N, C-alpha and C. Protein backbone atom coordinates (compact mmCIF):
# COMPACT_ATOMS: atom_id res chain seq x y z
N UNK A 1 13.67 -141.91 26.33
CA UNK A 1 13.53 -142.29 27.72
C UNK A 1 14.24 -143.60 27.99
N UNK A 2 14.10 -144.55 27.08
CA UNK A 2 14.72 -145.86 27.32
C UNK A 2 16.24 -145.78 27.40
N UNK A 3 16.84 -144.85 26.67
CA UNK A 3 18.30 -144.73 26.73
C UNK A 3 18.76 -144.28 28.11
N UNK A 4 17.90 -143.59 28.85
CA UNK A 4 18.24 -143.14 30.19
C UNK A 4 17.85 -144.11 31.29
N UNK A 5 17.28 -145.26 30.92
CA UNK A 5 16.84 -146.24 31.91
C UNK A 5 18.03 -146.99 32.48
N UNK A 6 18.16 -146.99 33.78
CA UNK A 6 19.26 -147.68 34.45
C UNK A 6 18.76 -149.04 34.97
N UNK A 7 19.58 -150.05 34.86
CA UNK A 7 19.25 -151.40 35.33
C UNK A 7 17.93 -151.90 34.77
N UNK A 8 17.71 -151.77 33.44
CA UNK A 8 16.45 -152.25 32.87
C UNK A 8 16.28 -153.75 33.03
N UNK A 9 15.08 -154.16 33.35
CA UNK A 9 14.75 -155.58 33.48
C UNK A 9 13.47 -155.87 32.76
N UNK A 10 13.48 -156.87 31.91
CA UNK A 10 12.28 -157.30 31.19
C UNK A 10 11.36 -158.03 32.16
N UNK A 11 10.06 -157.66 32.10
CA UNK A 11 9.07 -158.27 32.96
C UNK A 11 8.12 -159.18 32.18
N UNK A 12 8.42 -159.41 30.93
CA UNK A 12 7.58 -160.26 30.11
C UNK A 12 6.73 -159.43 29.16
N UNK A 13 5.73 -160.10 28.59
CA UNK A 13 4.81 -159.44 27.65
C UNK A 13 3.47 -159.25 28.30
N UNK A 14 2.83 -158.14 27.93
CA UNK A 14 1.46 -157.85 28.40
C UNK A 14 0.70 -157.23 27.27
N UNK A 15 -0.62 -157.35 27.29
CA UNK A 15 -1.45 -156.71 26.31
C UNK A 15 -2.01 -155.42 26.88
N UNK A 16 -1.76 -154.30 26.18
CA UNK A 16 -2.24 -153.00 26.58
C UNK A 16 -3.15 -152.48 25.46
N UNK A 17 -4.41 -152.24 25.77
CA UNK A 17 -5.37 -151.74 24.78
C UNK A 17 -5.35 -152.59 23.50
N UNK A 18 -5.26 -153.90 23.67
CA UNK A 18 -5.28 -154.80 22.54
C UNK A 18 -3.96 -154.95 21.80
N UNK A 19 -2.89 -154.33 22.30
CA UNK A 19 -1.57 -154.39 21.66
C UNK A 19 -0.62 -155.19 22.54
N UNK A 20 0.05 -156.17 21.94
CA UNK A 20 1.05 -156.95 22.66
C UNK A 20 2.27 -156.06 22.91
N UNK A 21 2.72 -156.01 24.18
CA UNK A 21 3.84 -155.12 24.54
C UNK A 21 4.89 -155.88 25.33
N UNK A 22 6.07 -155.27 25.36
CA UNK A 22 7.15 -155.70 26.26
C UNK A 22 7.07 -154.78 27.47
N UNK A 23 7.10 -155.36 28.66
CA UNK A 23 7.05 -154.61 29.91
C UNK A 23 8.46 -154.55 30.46
N UNK A 24 8.99 -153.33 30.67
CA UNK A 24 10.35 -153.13 31.15
C UNK A 24 10.32 -152.22 32.36
N UNK A 25 11.10 -152.56 33.39
CA UNK A 25 11.20 -151.72 34.59
C UNK A 25 12.66 -151.33 34.82
N UNK A 26 12.84 -150.22 35.49
CA UNK A 26 14.19 -149.76 35.82
C UNK A 26 14.08 -148.48 36.62
N UNK A 27 15.17 -147.75 36.65
CA UNK A 27 15.17 -146.44 37.31
C UNK A 27 15.81 -145.45 36.36
N UNK A 28 15.56 -144.16 36.61
CA UNK A 28 16.10 -143.12 35.75
C UNK A 28 16.19 -141.82 36.50
N UNK A 29 17.10 -140.97 36.08
CA UNK A 29 17.18 -139.62 36.60
C UNK A 29 15.89 -138.89 36.22
N UNK A 30 15.35 -138.10 37.10
CA UNK A 30 14.09 -137.38 36.84
C UNK A 30 14.16 -136.55 35.58
N UNK A 31 15.34 -136.14 35.17
CA UNK A 31 15.49 -135.30 33.98
C UNK A 31 15.01 -135.96 32.70
N UNK A 32 14.91 -137.30 32.67
CA UNK A 32 14.45 -137.98 31.46
C UNK A 32 13.01 -137.63 31.14
N UNK A 33 12.23 -137.19 32.14
CA UNK A 33 10.84 -136.84 31.92
C UNK A 33 10.67 -135.40 31.44
N UNK A 34 11.73 -134.61 31.43
CA UNK A 34 11.62 -133.20 31.07
C UNK A 34 10.95 -132.99 29.71
N UNK A 35 11.28 -133.77 28.66
CA UNK A 35 10.60 -133.56 27.38
C UNK A 35 9.09 -133.82 27.44
N UNK A 36 8.67 -134.67 28.37
CA UNK A 36 7.25 -134.98 28.50
C UNK A 36 6.48 -133.95 29.31
N UNK A 37 7.13 -133.34 30.29
CA UNK A 37 6.42 -132.40 31.16
C UNK A 37 6.69 -130.95 30.83
N UNK A 38 7.77 -130.69 30.05
CA UNK A 38 8.01 -129.34 29.54
C UNK A 38 8.55 -128.32 30.53
N UNK A 39 8.80 -128.70 31.74
CA UNK A 39 9.30 -127.74 32.70
C UNK A 39 10.54 -128.26 33.36
N UNK A 40 11.11 -127.45 34.24
CA UNK A 40 12.30 -127.92 34.95
C UNK A 40 11.96 -129.07 35.90
N UNK A 41 12.87 -129.99 36.05
CA UNK A 41 12.66 -131.09 36.99
C UNK A 41 13.85 -131.15 37.96
N UNK A 42 13.59 -131.58 39.17
CA UNK A 42 14.67 -131.66 40.14
C UNK A 42 15.58 -132.85 39.88
N UNK A 43 16.72 -132.83 40.50
CA UNK A 43 17.57 -134.01 40.49
C UNK A 43 16.92 -135.08 41.35
N UNK A 44 17.14 -136.29 41.01
CA UNK A 44 16.57 -137.39 41.79
C UNK A 44 16.35 -138.57 40.89
N UNK A 45 16.04 -139.70 41.51
CA UNK A 45 15.83 -140.92 40.76
C UNK A 45 14.36 -141.34 40.85
N UNK A 46 13.81 -141.74 39.73
CA UNK A 46 12.44 -142.23 39.65
C UNK A 46 12.48 -143.72 39.31
N UNK A 47 11.49 -144.44 39.80
CA UNK A 47 11.29 -145.81 39.37
C UNK A 47 10.38 -145.75 38.14
N UNK A 48 10.78 -146.37 37.05
CA UNK A 48 10.10 -146.26 35.76
C UNK A 48 9.64 -147.63 35.30
N UNK A 49 8.40 -147.68 34.79
CA UNK A 49 7.90 -148.87 34.08
C UNK A 49 7.47 -148.41 32.71
N UNK A 50 7.83 -149.16 31.67
CA UNK A 50 7.49 -148.81 30.30
C UNK A 50 6.94 -150.04 29.62
N UNK A 51 5.86 -149.84 28.83
CA UNK A 51 5.29 -150.89 28.00
C UNK A 51 5.46 -150.43 26.56
N UNK A 52 6.16 -151.23 25.75
CA UNK A 52 6.48 -150.88 24.38
C UNK A 52 5.90 -151.91 23.45
N UNK A 53 5.25 -151.44 22.38
CA UNK A 53 4.65 -152.33 21.40
C UNK A 53 5.65 -153.35 20.88
N UNK A 54 5.30 -154.64 20.93
CA UNK A 54 6.20 -155.70 20.50
C UNK A 54 6.49 -155.62 19.00
N UNK A 55 5.55 -155.14 18.21
CA UNK A 55 5.72 -155.09 16.76
C UNK A 55 6.14 -153.70 16.31
N UNK A 56 5.39 -152.67 16.75
CA UNK A 56 5.64 -151.31 16.25
C UNK A 56 6.65 -150.52 17.07
N UNK A 57 7.05 -151.02 18.23
CA UNK A 57 8.04 -150.40 19.12
C UNK A 57 7.62 -149.03 19.64
N UNK A 58 6.34 -148.72 19.62
CA UNK A 58 5.83 -147.46 20.15
C UNK A 58 5.53 -147.59 21.63
N UNK A 59 5.81 -146.57 22.42
CA UNK A 59 5.48 -146.62 23.86
C UNK A 59 3.97 -146.60 24.04
N UNK A 60 3.45 -147.47 24.88
CA UNK A 60 2.01 -147.55 25.13
C UNK A 60 1.63 -147.04 26.51
N UNK A 61 2.52 -147.23 27.48
CA UNK A 61 2.26 -146.77 28.84
C UNK A 61 3.60 -146.52 29.53
N UNK A 62 3.63 -145.43 30.31
CA UNK A 62 4.82 -145.12 31.11
C UNK A 62 4.33 -144.79 32.51
N UNK A 63 4.90 -145.44 33.50
CA UNK A 63 4.59 -145.17 34.91
C UNK A 63 5.88 -144.72 35.59
N UNK A 64 5.83 -143.56 36.25
CA UNK A 64 6.98 -143.04 36.97
C UNK A 64 6.59 -142.85 38.43
N UNK A 65 7.39 -143.37 39.32
CA UNK A 65 7.14 -143.24 40.75
C UNK A 65 8.29 -142.44 41.38
N UNK A 66 7.91 -141.33 42.02
CA UNK A 66 8.90 -140.46 42.65
C UNK A 66 8.55 -139.01 42.42
N UNK A 67 9.01 -138.13 43.29
CA UNK A 67 8.65 -136.73 43.19
C UNK A 67 9.39 -135.98 42.09
N UNK A 68 8.68 -135.03 41.46
CA UNK A 68 9.29 -134.10 40.51
C UNK A 68 9.40 -132.71 41.13
N UNK A 69 8.83 -132.57 42.31
CA UNK A 69 8.84 -131.31 43.04
C UNK A 69 9.09 -131.66 44.51
N UNK A 70 9.88 -130.85 45.21
CA UNK A 70 10.17 -131.16 46.62
C UNK A 70 8.93 -131.25 47.51
N UNK A 71 7.82 -130.64 47.11
CA UNK A 71 6.62 -130.67 47.95
C UNK A 71 5.83 -131.97 47.77
N UNK A 72 6.21 -132.81 46.82
CA UNK A 72 5.47 -134.05 46.54
C UNK A 72 5.97 -135.20 47.41
N UNK A 73 5.08 -136.15 47.72
CA UNK A 73 5.50 -137.32 48.52
C UNK A 73 6.45 -138.20 47.71
N UNK A 74 7.28 -138.96 48.38
CA UNK A 74 8.26 -139.83 47.74
C UNK A 74 7.61 -140.90 46.87
N UNK A 75 6.37 -141.31 47.23
CA UNK A 75 5.74 -142.40 46.50
C UNK A 75 4.70 -141.94 45.48
N UNK A 76 4.75 -140.67 45.09
CA UNK A 76 3.78 -140.18 44.09
C UNK A 76 3.98 -140.95 42.79
N UNK A 77 2.86 -141.27 42.13
CA UNK A 77 2.88 -142.12 40.97
C UNK A 77 2.18 -141.39 39.81
N UNK A 78 2.85 -141.34 38.66
CA UNK A 78 2.28 -140.73 37.45
C UNK A 78 2.18 -141.80 36.37
N UNK A 79 1.05 -141.84 35.69
CA UNK A 79 0.85 -142.79 34.62
C UNK A 79 0.49 -142.04 33.34
N UNK A 80 1.22 -142.32 32.28
CA UNK A 80 0.99 -141.72 30.98
C UNK A 80 0.59 -142.83 30.02
N UNK A 81 -0.62 -142.74 29.44
CA UNK A 81 -1.11 -143.73 28.50
C UNK A 81 -1.09 -143.10 27.12
N UNK A 82 -0.47 -143.77 26.17
CA UNK A 82 -0.31 -143.26 24.80
C UNK A 82 -1.12 -144.15 23.85
N UNK A 83 -1.86 -143.53 22.93
CA UNK A 83 -2.67 -144.32 22.01
C UNK A 83 -2.99 -143.48 20.76
N UNK A 84 -3.68 -144.09 19.85
CA UNK A 84 -4.15 -143.43 18.62
C UNK A 84 -3.00 -142.79 17.84
N UNK A 85 -1.90 -143.51 17.73
CA UNK A 85 -0.73 -143.01 16.97
C UNK A 85 -1.14 -142.78 15.51
N UNK A 86 -0.70 -141.68 14.94
CA UNK A 86 -0.96 -141.39 13.54
C UNK A 86 -2.30 -140.77 13.24
N UNK A 87 -3.17 -140.64 14.23
CA UNK A 87 -4.49 -140.03 14.00
C UNK A 87 -4.38 -138.54 14.03
N UNK A 88 -5.19 -137.88 13.21
CA UNK A 88 -5.23 -136.43 13.21
C UNK A 88 -5.88 -135.92 14.49
N UNK A 89 -5.36 -134.82 14.97
CA UNK A 89 -5.87 -134.18 16.19
C UNK A 89 -6.16 -132.74 15.89
N UNK A 90 -7.32 -132.27 16.30
CA UNK A 90 -7.67 -130.88 16.16
C UNK A 90 -7.66 -130.24 17.55
N UNK A 91 -6.85 -129.21 17.70
CA UNK A 91 -6.77 -128.51 18.97
C UNK A 91 -7.36 -127.13 18.75
N UNK A 92 -8.40 -126.84 19.54
CA UNK A 92 -9.06 -125.56 19.41
C UNK A 92 -8.52 -124.60 20.46
N UNK A 93 -8.25 -123.41 20.04
CA UNK A 93 -7.75 -122.39 20.93
C UNK A 93 -8.85 -122.00 21.93
N UNK A 94 -8.51 -121.96 23.22
CA UNK A 94 -9.54 -121.56 24.21
C UNK A 94 -9.87 -120.09 24.06
N UNK A 95 -11.09 -119.75 24.43
CA UNK A 95 -11.52 -118.35 24.35
C UNK A 95 -11.27 -117.62 25.61
C-alpha cells in the first residue's frame, strides 16, 4: 500500500495500542485497497492515513476516505485496525 501512496507526508509519531508508530498521510488510487477487500474496486482517489510501527515496521492502522462503490458518499471513511501479529488464529467453518 505504501508504494502506491502519492504525496506522502509524515505527521509525526503516535502511540497506537501501546506501540510507537509513524503517522503518514497521502492519497492513492482506490485499486491499492483491492488486496484488502478482495473484490473489484472503482477508479478514483482515496485519502489515506497509515500508522506504521516505528520498530517493527508493521501496519497498525489504515484509514481510507472516499467511495469504493458509486453508491457511497464521497466522504465515507473506513478504518482498519491491525493487531496481534504472529498469534495463532482458529477459524471455524460456519454451519
